[in-house]
Amino acid sequence: MANLSRKIEKHLGRQIDFQIDVILQNDGGETYIKEWNVAEDQPELEDLEKIDVSAEVALAEVLSNRQAEYPSIESLVVGLYDTDDKSAIEAKRAAVKAKYPKPE
């Protein structure tokens, strides 16, 4: 099941630790829940399959694409002290945001 971790978090309504709270495993086929260590009852896989996480997946992709193209931390630090560099950084950031708009 694609995006099982996102579906579990959406089902629970919170972020969880997939090293402790819920442990997922993939033995070469579908990913499945190996251990369920949270207080809430474990949902049936059929119920999780019905959860739509397409908006979360689309947003994560946009944010990842933006992160890859944003100016580096070093550039941002230089921009703090140089007006021309700061303007260039702001322009690049605006261009990246326009290139990868958030889904509606």
Protein backbone atom coordinates (compact mmCIF):
# COMPACT_ATOMS: atom_id res chain seq x y z
CA MET A 1 0.00 0.00 0.00
CA ALA A 2 1.50 3.27 -1.13
CA ASN A 3 2.04 5.95 1.50
CA LEU A 4 1.06 3.69 4.39
CA SER A 5 2.85 5.88 6.92
CA ARG A 6 1.01 9.01 5.75
CA LYS A 7 -2.32 7.17 5.90
CA ILE A 8 -1.62 5.96 9.43
CA GLU A 9 -0.76 9.48 10.60
CA LYS A 10 -3.87 10.89 8.94
CA HIS A 11 -5.96 8.15 10.57
CA LEU A 12 -4.50 8.94 14.01
CA GLY A 13 -4.57 12.70 13.44
CA ARG A 14 -1.00 13.21 14.59
CA GLN A 15 2.61 12.48 13.75
CA ILE A 16 4.04 9.31 15.15
CA ASP A 17 7.45 7.72 15.52
CA PHE A 18 7.75 4.89 13.00
CA GLN A 19 10.69 3.47 14.94
CA ILE A 20 8.69 3.03 18.15
CA ASP A 21 4.94 3.73 17.85
CA VAL A 22 4.19 1.84 14.65
CA ILE A 23 6.77 -0.29 12.93
CA LEU A 24 6.30 -0.90 9.23
CA GLN A 25 7.98 -3.65 7.26
CA ASN A 26 8.38 -4.63 3.64
CA ASP A 27 9.59 -8.12 2.78
CA GLY A 28 9.76 -7.44 -0.93
CA GLY A 29 6.03 -7.02 -1.55
CA GLU A 30 3.58 -4.63 0.06
CA THR A 31 4.55 -2.63 3.12
CA TYR A 32 2.61 -3.75 6.18
CA ILE A 33 2.24 -2.97 9.88
CA LYS A 34 4.62 -5.20 11.80
CA GLU A 35 4.00 -3.71 15.26
CA TRP A 36 1.28 -1.38 16.56
CA ASN A 37 2.39 0.23 19.83
CA VAL A 38 -0.07 3.10 20.23
CA ALA A 39 -3.12 3.27 22.49
CA GLU A 40 -5.61 3.60 19.63
CA ASP A 41 -6.94 0.42 18.05
CA GLN A 42 -5.12 -0.71 14.94
CA PRO A 43 -7.22 0.03 11.85
CA GLU A 44 -8.02 -2.56 9.23
CA LEU A 45 -5.95 -2.24 6.06
CA GLU A 46 -9.18 -1.79 4.09
CA ASP A 47 -9.97 1.30 6.17
CA LEU A 48 -6.49 2.72 5.59
CA GLU A 49 -6.79 2.12 1.84
CA LYS A 50 -9.81 4.46 1.78
CA ILE A 51 -7.84 7.38 3.23
CA ASP A 52 -6.86 9.92 0.58
CA VAL A 53 -3.39 11.36 1.10
CA SER A 54 -2.93 12.77 -2.39
CA ALA A 55 -2.92 16.37 -1.12
CA GLU A 56 -0.24 15.57 1.47
CA VAL A 57 1.86 13.75 -1.13
CA ALA A 58 1.55 16.64 -3.60
CA LEU A 59 2.52 19.19 -0.95
CA ALA A 60 5.52 17.10 0.16
CA GLU A 61 6.71 16.92 -3.44
CA VAL A 62 6.40 20.69 -3.90
CA LEU A 63 8.28 21.38 -0.67
CA SER A 64 11.02 18.90 -1.59
CA ASN A 65 11.42 20.47 -5.04
CA ARG A 66 11.60 23.94 -3.51
CA GLN A 67 14.15 22.85 -0.91
CA ALA A 68 16.40 21.47 -3.64
CA GLU A 69 16.46 24.79 -5.48
CA TYR A 70 16.42 27.34 -2.67
CA PRO A 71 19.62 29.25 -1.94
CA SER A 72 22.07 27.57 0.42
CA ILE A 73 22.45 28.54 4.06
CA GLU A 74 25.79 30.10 3.20
CA SER A 75 24.13 32.33 0.59
CA LEU A 76 21.50 33.36 3.11
CA VAL A 77 24.14 34.31 5.66
CA VAL A 78 25.98 36.44 3.08
CA GLY A 79 22.65 38.01 2.15
CA LEU A 80 22.23 39.23 5.72
CA TYR A 81 25.21 41.53 5.25
CA ASP A 82 25.00 42.54 1.60
CA THR A 83 21.94 44.32 0.18
CA ASP A 84 22.58 43.22 -3.42
CA ASP A 85 23.01 39.59 -2.38
CA LYS A 86 19.84 39.79 -0.30
CA SER A 87 17.86 41.10 -3.28
CA ALA A 88 19.23 38.30 -5.47
CA ILE A 89 18.27 35.70 -2.85
CA GLU A 90 14.75 37.11 -2.53
CA ALA A 91 14.37 37.05 -6.32
CA LYS A 92 15.59 33.45 -6.56
CA ARG A 93 13.28 32.35 -3.72
CA ALA A 94 10.31 34.02 -5.43
CA ALA A 95 11.19 32.32 -8.73
CA VAL A 96 11.38 28.90 -7.05
CA LYS A 97 8.01 29.44 -5.34
CA ALA A 98 6.48 30.43 -8.69
CA LYS A 99 8.02 27.37 -10.38
CA TYR A 100 6.64 25.03 -7.69
CA PRO A 101 3.30 26.47 -6.46
CA LYS A 102 1.57 24.80 -3.55
CA PRO A 103 -1.33 22.61 -4.62
CA GLU A 104 -4.77 23.98 -3.90
